[in-house]
Amino acid sequence: MRRVFLSLLLTIQLIDLCNGQVSYVTMNPFMLNRIVAAIVPEHGFLPGKKFPFYSTIDKYNFSTLKLRVEIFDERNSLNLQRINCSNTELTNTSEFKNSDCIYKVGQYFEKLLKDSGVSLDSTYTDTLYVNLQAIDSRLIGVGNISAHGLCQMKIKYHEHIKTYCTDITDSDKNSPISPTAFVTRLSATRIFASASIREVIEQFFIDLKSYK
């Protein structure tokens, strides 16, 4: 199982490599980009268009929060065939089946939490636990193809434990692109996998407002 920590330390550590657990930390942007690029290439796991990061649809202000965030990858142990909110089958044939996908999820949480005013540090005791359970992207149909981004995470904050999932398509109101947009198949899978991560994180943000 891979595990990701978000923090403000000045070093990056790999711990317990035999068990596949990885510590992910943030530092100054220049150094962070170089280190992450060595793990996950700038243009994703395969050649092509750069992996996009989308902002939340609404704006959130969590400036009073100081969090330690731990992200675990439990996809292999669960081996889900479908997520809770969709009948679309998970094929896990996209590039996101790669175990290094956990680093993109970590970067996404870091970006959206910081954009919403959260202070992140591994020394904080207030901890947010995230379990990545599934992520996939599907292009379904012949001729008239529908793009799907599927993601499911279980998130624990204090006594609140909830599973969040999404199956976002190119016809949804929060879709980054329209059904008629001209993009390559690889770009479409990256766009909708990214949008699915954003959707799950924002679902949690909506709940987090009521926890405060």
C-alpha atoms as a PDB file:
ATOM      1  CA  MET A   1       0.000   0.000   0.000  1.00  0.00           C
ATOM      2  CA  ARG A   2       1.278   3.428  -0.897  1.00  0.00           C
ATOM      3  CA  ARG A   3       0.878   6.221   1.611  1.00  0.00           C
ATOM      4  CA  VAL A   4       1.243   9.939   0.983  1.00  0.00           C
ATOM      5  CA  PHE A   5       1.878  12.699   3.522  1.00  0.00           C
ATOM      6  CA  LEU A   6       1.359  16.387   2.765  1.00  0.00           C
ATOM      7  CA  SER A   7       3.594  18.705   4.780  1.00  0.00           C
ATOM      8  CA  LEU A   8       5.913  21.703   4.692  1.00  0.00           C
ATOM      9  CA  LEU A   9       9.175  19.894   5.417  1.00  0.00           C
ATOM     10  CA  LEU A  10      12.298  20.700   3.427  1.00  0.00           C
ATOM     11  CA  THR A  11      13.190  17.101   2.578  1.00  0.00           C
ATOM     12  CA  ILE A  12      11.478  14.187   0.959  1.00  0.00           C
ATOM     13  CA  GLN A  13      11.774  10.735   2.469  1.00  0.00           C
ATOM     14  CA  LEU A  14      10.999   7.272   1.185  1.00  0.00           C
ATOM     15  CA  ILE A  15      10.043   5.024   4.085  1.00  0.00           C
ATOM     16  CA  ASP A  16       9.520   1.277   4.291  1.00  0.00           C
ATOM     17  CA  LEU A  17      10.048   0.716   0.577  1.00  0.00           C
ATOM     18  CA  CYS A  18       9.680  -3.021   1.014  1.00  0.00           C
ATOM     19  CA  ASN A  19       6.041  -2.445   1.971  1.00  0.00           C
ATOM     20  CA  GLY A  20       5.540   0.128  -0.775  1.00  0.00           C
ATOM     21  CA  GLN A  21       4.826   3.045   1.554  1.00  0.00           C
ATOM     22  CA  VAL A  22       5.915   6.480   0.375  1.00  0.00           C
ATOM     23  CA  SER A  23       6.081   9.793   2.203  1.00  0.00           C
ATOM     24  CA  TYR A  24       5.114  12.757   0.020  1.00  0.00           C
ATOM     25  CA  VAL A  25       6.057  16.207   1.270  1.00  0.00           C
ATOM     26  CA  THR A  26       5.957  19.719  -0.132  1.00  0.00           C
ATOM     27  CA  MET A  27       8.795  22.210  -0.274  1.00  0.00           C
ATOM     28  CA  ASN A  28       9.638  25.237  -2.367  1.00  0.00           C
ATOM     29  CA  PRO A  29       7.972  24.956  -5.818  1.00  0.00           C
ATOM     30  CA  PHE A  30      11.238  24.643  -7.777  1.00  0.00           C
ATOM     31  CA  MET A  31      12.556  21.712  -5.770  1.00  0.00           C
ATOM     32  CA  LEU A  32       9.146  20.053  -5.522  1.00  0.00           C
ATOM     33  CA  ASN A  33       8.640  20.157  -9.286  1.00  0.00           C
ATOM     34  CA  ARG A  34      12.042  18.585  -9.916  1.00  0.00           C
ATOM     35  CA  ILE A  35      11.453  15.771  -7.434  1.00  0.00           C
ATOM     36  CA  VAL A  36       7.915  15.000  -8.564  1.00  0.00           C
ATOM     37  CA  ALA A  37       9.077  15.085 -12.198  1.00  0.00           C
ATOM     38  CA  ALA A  38      11.561  12.353 -11.350  1.00  0.00           C
ATOM     39  CA  ILE A  39       8.713  10.219 -10.009  1.00  0.00           C
ATOM     40  CA  VAL A  40       5.864  11.197 -12.332  1.00  0.00           C
ATOM     41  CA  PRO A  41       6.858  12.751 -15.669  1.00  0.00           C
ATOM     42  CA  GLU A  42       5.543  16.241 -16.372  1.00  0.00           C
ATOM     43  CA  HIS A  43       3.333  14.931 -19.140  1.00  0.00           C
ATOM     44  CA  GLY A  44       1.834  12.167 -17.064  1.00  0.00           C
ATOM     45  CA  PHE A  45       2.702   8.513 -17.051  1.00  0.00           C
ATOM     46  CA  LEU A  46       2.561   8.321 -20.855  1.00  0.00           C
ATOM     47  CA  PRO A  47       3.694  10.819 -23.508  1.00  0.00           C
ATOM     48  CA  GLY A  48       1.147  13.435 -24.462  1.00  0.00           C
ATOM     49  CA  LYS A  49      -0.750  16.341 -23.041  1.00  0.00           C
ATOM     50  CA  LYS A  50       0.176  17.570 -19.564  1.00  0.00           C
ATOM     51  CA  PHE A  51      -2.039  16.369 -16.697  1.00  0.00           C
ATOM     52  CA  PRO A  52      -4.422  19.251 -15.829  1.00  0.00           C
ATOM     53  CA  PHE A  53      -5.359  20.375 -12.317  1.00  0.00           C
ATOM     54  CA  TYR A  54      -8.779  22.020 -11.989  1.00  0.00           C
ATOM     55  CA  SER A  55      -9.897  24.451  -9.306  1.00  0.00           C
ATOM     56  CA  THR A  56     -13.013  23.778  -7.262  1.00  0.00           C
ATOM     57  CA  ILE A  57     -16.279  24.938  -8.803  1.00  0.00           C
ATOM     58  CA  ASP A  58     -17.166  27.007  -5.703  1.00  0.00           C
ATOM     59  CA  LYS A  59     -14.832  28.929  -3.418  1.00  0.00           C
ATOM     60  CA  TYR A  60     -14.057  27.786   0.137  1.00  0.00           C
ATOM     61  CA  ASN A  61     -12.358  29.443   3.081  1.00  0.00           C
ATOM     62  CA  PHE A  62     -10.781  27.062   5.570  1.00  0.00           C
ATOM     63  CA  SER A  63      -8.086  29.468   6.720  1.00  0.00           C
ATOM     64  CA  THR A  64      -8.477  28.419  10.369  1.00  0.00           C
ATOM     65  CA  LEU A  65      -7.501  24.832   9.590  1.00  0.00           C
ATOM     66  CA  LYS A  66      -4.007  23.449  10.139  1.00  0.00           C
ATOM     67  CA  LEU A  67      -3.866  19.905   8.850  1.00  0.00           C
ATOM     68  CA  ARG A  68      -1.672  16.899   8.506  1.00  0.00           C
ATOM     69  CA  VAL A  69      -2.950  14.849   5.558  1.00  0.00           C
ATOM     70  CA  GLU A  70      -2.265  11.158   5.031  1.00  0.00           C
ATOM     71  CA  ILE A  71      -3.274   9.556   1.752  1.00  0.00           C
ATOM     72  CA  PHE A  72      -3.343   5.779   1.318  1.00  0.00           C
ATOM     73  CA  ASP A  73      -3.694   3.808  -1.906  1.00  0.00           C
ATOM     74  CA  GLU A  74      -5.880   0.758  -1.288  1.00  0.00           C
ATOM     75  CA  ARG A  75      -6.939   0.078  -4.871  1.00  0.00           C
ATOM     76  CA  ASN A  76      -5.059  -3.203  -5.140  1.00  0.00           C
ATOM     77  CA  SER A  77      -6.441  -4.611  -1.914  1.00  0.00           C
ATOM     78  CA  LEU A  78     -10.045  -3.679  -2.781  1.00  0.00           C
ATOM     79  CA  ASN A  79      -9.899  -4.422  -6.515  1.00  0.00           C
ATOM     80  CA  LEU A  80     -13.283  -2.782  -7.079  1.00  0.00           C
ATOM     81  CA  GLN A  81     -15.209  -3.615 -10.254  1.00  0.00           C
ATOM     82  CA  ARG A  82     -17.551  -0.633  -9.835  1.00  0.00           C
ATOM     83  CA  ILE A  83     -17.770   2.403  -7.611  1.00  0.00           C
ATOM     84  CA  ASN A  84     -20.761   3.124  -5.376  1.00  0.00           C
ATOM     85  CA  CYS A  85     -22.299   5.856  -7.519  1.00  0.00           C
ATOM     86  CA  SER A  86     -22.001   4.321 -10.990  1.00  0.00           C
ATOM     87  CA  ASN A  87     -22.830   1.236 -13.027  1.00  0.00           C
ATOM     88  CA  THR A  88     -19.876   1.909 -15.325  1.00  0.00           C
ATOM     89  CA  GLU A  89     -17.385  -0.919 -15.031  1.00  0.00           C
ATOM     90  CA  LEU A  90     -13.853  -0.183 -13.916  1.00  0.00           C
ATOM     91  CA  THR A  91     -11.447  -1.675 -16.433  1.00  0.00           C
ATOM     92  CA  ASN A  92      -8.269  -0.212 -14.909  1.00  0.00           C
ATOM     93  CA  THR A  93      -6.641  -0.224 -18.312  1.00  0.00           C
ATOM     94  CA  SER A  94      -5.823   3.502 -18.375  1.00  0.00           C
ATOM     95  CA  GLU A  95      -2.508   4.972 -17.317  1.00  0.00           C
ATOM     96  CA  PHE A  96      -4.039   5.715 -13.915  1.00  0.00           C
ATOM     97  CA  LYS A  97      -3.777   2.084 -12.890  1.00  0.00           C
ATOM     98  CA  ASN A  98      -0.098   2.954 -12.315  1.00  0.00           C
ATOM     99  CA  SER A  99       0.735   2.986  -8.601  1.00  0.00           C
ATOM    100  CA  ASP A 100       2.448   6.376  -9.046  1.00  0.00           C
ATOM    101  CA  CYS A 101      -1.020   7.867  -9.622  1.00  0.00           C
ATOM    102  CA  ILE A 102      -1.093   8.386  -5.834  1.00  0.00           C
ATOM    103  CA  TYR A 103       1.364  11.260  -6.289  1.00  0.00           C
ATOM    104  CA  LYS A 104      -1.076  13.076  -8.562  1.00  0.00           C
ATOM    105  CA  VAL A 105      -3.813  12.621  -5.950  1.00  0.00           C
ATOM    106  CA  GLY A 106      -1.447  14.016  -3.324  1.00  0.00           C
ATOM    107  CA  GLN A 107      -0.639  17.031  -5.479  1.00  0.00           C
ATOM    108  CA  TYR A 108      -4.346  17.598  -6.060  1.00  0.00           C
ATOM    109  CA  PHE A 109      -5.180  17.639  -2.351  1.00  0.00           C
ATOM    110  CA  GLU A 110      -2.237  19.942  -1.708  1.00  0.00           C
ATOM    111  CA  LYS A 111      -3.370  22.399  -4.383  1.00  0.00           C
ATOM    112  CA  LEU A 112      -7.054  22.535  -3.476  1.00  0.00           C
ATOM    113  CA  LEU A 113      -6.486  22.620   0.293  1.00  0.00           C
ATOM    114  CA  LYS A 114      -3.969  25.439  -0.024  1.00  0.00           C
ATOM    115  CA  ASP A 115      -6.208  27.292  -2.494  1.00  0.00           C
ATOM    116  CA  SER A 116      -8.898  27.134   0.203  1.00  0.00           C
ATOM    117  CA  GLY A 117      -6.603  28.587   2.858  1.00  0.00           C
ATOM    118  CA  VAL A 118      -5.610  25.401   4.697  1.00  0.00           C
ATOM    119  CA  SER A 119      -2.152  25.313   6.283  1.00  0.00           C
ATOM    120  CA  LEU A 120      -0.403  21.945   5.752  1.00  0.00           C
ATOM    121  CA  ASP A 121       2.372  20.497   7.878  1.00  0.00           C
ATOM    122  CA  SER A 122       3.328  16.969   8.913  1.00  0.00           C
ATOM    123  CA  THR A 123       3.839  18.151  12.512  1.00  0.00           C
ATOM    124  CA  TYR A 124       0.195  19.128  13.008  1.00  0.00           C
ATOM    125  CA  THR A 125      -1.908  16.761  15.073  1.00  0.00           C
ATOM    126  CA  ASP A 126      -5.211  17.522  13.337  1.00  0.00           C
ATOM    127  CA  THR A 127      -5.121  14.774  10.698  1.00  0.00           C
ATOM    128  CA  LEU A 128      -7.153  14.161   7.579  1.00  0.00           C
ATOM    129  CA  TYR A 129      -7.080  10.545   6.368  1.00  0.00           C
ATOM    130  CA  VAL A 130      -7.772   9.783   2.716  1.00  0.00           C
ATOM    131  CA  ASN A 131      -8.045   6.317   1.181  1.00  0.00           C
ATOM    132  CA  LEU A 132      -7.954   6.193  -2.619  1.00  0.00           C
ATOM    133  CA  GLN A 133     -10.222   3.261  -3.514  1.00  0.00           C
ATOM    134  CA  ALA A 134     -10.625   3.637  -7.272  1.00  0.00           C
ATOM    135  CA  ILE A 135      -9.778   5.885 -10.182  1.00  0.00           C
ATOM    136  CA  ASP A 136     -10.354   5.197 -13.844  1.00  0.00           C
ATOM    137  CA  SER A 137     -11.332   6.928 -17.067  1.00  0.00           C
ATOM    138  CA  ARG A 138     -13.476   5.422 -19.791  1.00  0.00           C
ATOM    139  CA  LEU A 139     -14.323   6.347 -23.363  1.00  0.00           C
ATOM    140  CA  ILE A 140     -17.579   4.539 -24.095  1.00  0.00           C
ATOM    141  CA  GLY A 141     -19.336   4.174 -27.416  1.00  0.00           C
ATOM    142  CA  VAL A 142     -18.543   4.085 -31.118  1.00  0.00           C
ATOM    143  CA  GLY A 143     -18.745   7.297 -33.119  1.00  0.00           C
ATOM    144  CA  ASN A 144     -20.644   9.219 -30.459  1.00  0.00           C
ATOM    145  CA  ILE A 145     -18.198   8.572 -27.618  1.00  0.00           C
ATOM    146  CA  SER A 146     -18.971   9.508 -24.018  1.00  0.00           C
ATOM    147  CA  ALA A 147     -16.044  10.271 -21.720  1.00  0.00           C
ATOM    148  CA  HIS A 148     -16.247   9.205 -18.071  1.00  0.00           C
ATOM    149  CA  GLY A 149     -14.047   9.992 -15.089  1.00  0.00           C
ATOM    150  CA  LEU A 150     -14.565   7.625 -12.159  1.00  0.00           C
ATOM    151  CA  CYS A 151     -13.147   8.115  -8.703  1.00  0.00           C
ATOM    152  CA  GLN A 152     -13.897   6.907  -5.184  1.00  0.00           C
ATOM    153  CA  MET A 153     -12.213   7.821  -1.904  1.00  0.00           C
ATOM    154  CA  LYS A 154     -12.969   7.167   1.735  1.00  0.00           C
ATOM    155  CA  ILE A 155     -12.163  10.218   3.855  1.00  0.00           C
ATOM    156  CA  LYS A 156     -11.953  10.388   7.641  1.00  0.00           C
ATOM    157  CA  TYR A 157     -11.827  13.663   9.543  1.00  0.00           C
ATOM    158  CA  HIS A 158     -12.299  13.500  13.299  1.00  0.00           C
ATOM    159  CA  GLU A 159     -15.337  11.265  13.891  1.00  0.00           C
ATOM    160  CA  HIS A 160     -16.649  11.811  10.369  1.00  0.00           C
ATOM    161  CA  ILE A 161     -16.038   8.925   7.957  1.00  0.00           C
ATOM    162  CA  LYS A 162     -17.609   8.981   4.500  1.00  0.00           C
ATOM    163  CA  THR A 163     -17.052   7.443   1.098  1.00  0.00           C
ATOM    164  CA  TYR A 164     -17.193   9.911  -1.792  1.00  0.00           C
ATOM    165  CA  CYS A 165     -17.480   8.956  -5.420  1.00  0.00           C
ATOM    166  CA  THR A 166     -18.206  10.426  -8.824  1.00  0.00           C
ATOM    167  CA  ASP A 167     -18.781   9.380 -12.409  1.00  0.00           C
ATOM    168  CA  ILE A 168     -18.360  12.668 -14.240  1.00  0.00           C
ATOM    169  CA  THR A 169     -19.072  12.730 -17.962  1.00  0.00           C
ATOM    170  CA  ASP A 170     -18.645  15.262 -20.745  1.00  0.00           C
ATOM    171  CA  SER A 171     -22.353  16.112 -20.515  1.00  0.00           C
ATOM    172  CA  ASP A 172     -22.242  17.078 -16.808  1.00  0.00           C
ATOM    173  CA  LYS A 173     -22.442  20.747 -15.813  1.00  0.00           C
ATOM    174  CA  ASN A 174     -19.052  20.555 -14.058  1.00  0.00           C
ATOM    175  CA  SER A 175     -17.333  18.960 -17.049  1.00  0.00           C
ATOM    176  CA  PRO A 176     -14.134  20.809 -18.061  1.00  0.00           C
ATOM    177  CA  ILE A 177     -15.004  20.341 -21.741  1.00  0.00           C
ATOM    178  CA  SER A 178     -18.180  19.931 -23.793  1.00  0.00           C
ATOM    179  CA  PRO A 179     -19.218  16.734 -25.593  1.00  0.00           C
ATOM    180  CA  THR A 180     -18.330  18.377 -28.909  1.00  0.00           C
ATOM    181  CA  ALA A 181     -14.797  19.385 -27.891  1.00  0.00           C
ATOM    182  CA  PHE A 182     -12.054  18.049 -30.154  1.00  0.00           C
ATOM    183  CA  VAL A 183      -9.422  16.297 -28.035  1.00  0.00           C
ATOM    184  CA  THR A 184      -7.314  13.176 -28.418  1.00  0.00           C
ATOM    185  CA  ARG A 185      -8.308   9.999 -26.610  1.00  0.00           C
ATOM    186  CA  LEU A 186      -5.335  10.346 -24.261  1.00  0.00           C
ATOM    187  CA  SER A 187      -6.200  13.969 -23.481  1.00  0.00           C
ATOM    188  CA  ALA A 188      -9.820  13.027 -22.800  1.00  0.00           C
ATOM    189  CA  THR A 189      -8.863  10.296 -20.332  1.00  0.00           C
ATOM    190  CA  ARG A 190      -6.553  12.669 -18.477  1.00  0.00           C
ATOM    191  CA  ILE A 191      -9.110  15.467 -18.424  1.00  0.00           C
ATOM    192  CA  PHE A 192     -11.838  13.287 -16.947  1.00  0.00           C
ATOM    193  CA  ALA A 193      -9.637  11.416 -14.501  1.00  0.00           C
ATOM    194  CA  SER A 194      -8.471  14.812 -13.234  1.00  0.00           C
ATOM    195  CA  ALA A 195     -12.010  16.178 -13.080  1.00  0.00           C
ATOM    196  CA  SER A 196     -13.122  13.121 -11.104  1.00  0.00           C
ATOM    197  CA  ILE A 197     -10.469  13.763  -8.448  1.00  0.00           C
ATOM    198  CA  ARG A 198     -11.580  17.402  -8.251  1.00  0.00           C
ATOM    199  CA  GLU A 199     -15.222  16.352  -7.896  1.00  0.00           C
ATOM    200  CA  VAL A 200     -14.497  13.999  -4.981  1.00  0.00           C
ATOM    201  CA  ILE A 201     -12.380  16.558  -3.150  1.00  0.00           C
ATOM    202  CA  GLU A 202     -15.070  19.207  -3.587  1.00  0.00           C
ATOM    203  CA  GLN A 203     -17.734  16.842  -2.268  1.00  0.00           C
ATOM    204  CA  PHE A 204     -15.623  16.555   0.859  1.00  0.00           C
ATOM    205  CA  PHE A 205     -15.152  20.346   1.030  1.00  0.00           C
ATOM    206  CA  ILE A 206     -18.935  20.799   1.044  1.00  0.00           C
ATOM    207  CA  ASP A 207     -19.159  18.522   4.087  1.00  0.00           C
ATOM    208  CA  LEU A 208     -16.129  20.121   5.707  1.00  0.00           C
ATOM    209  CA  LYS A 209     -17.966  23.460   5.820  1.00  0.00           C
ATOM    210  CA  SER A 210     -20.584  21.886   8.068  1.00  0.00           C
ATOM    211  CA  TYR A 211     -17.961  20.266  10.323  1.00  0.00           C
ATOM    212  CA  LYS A 212     -16.483  23.614  11.361  1.00  0.00           C
END
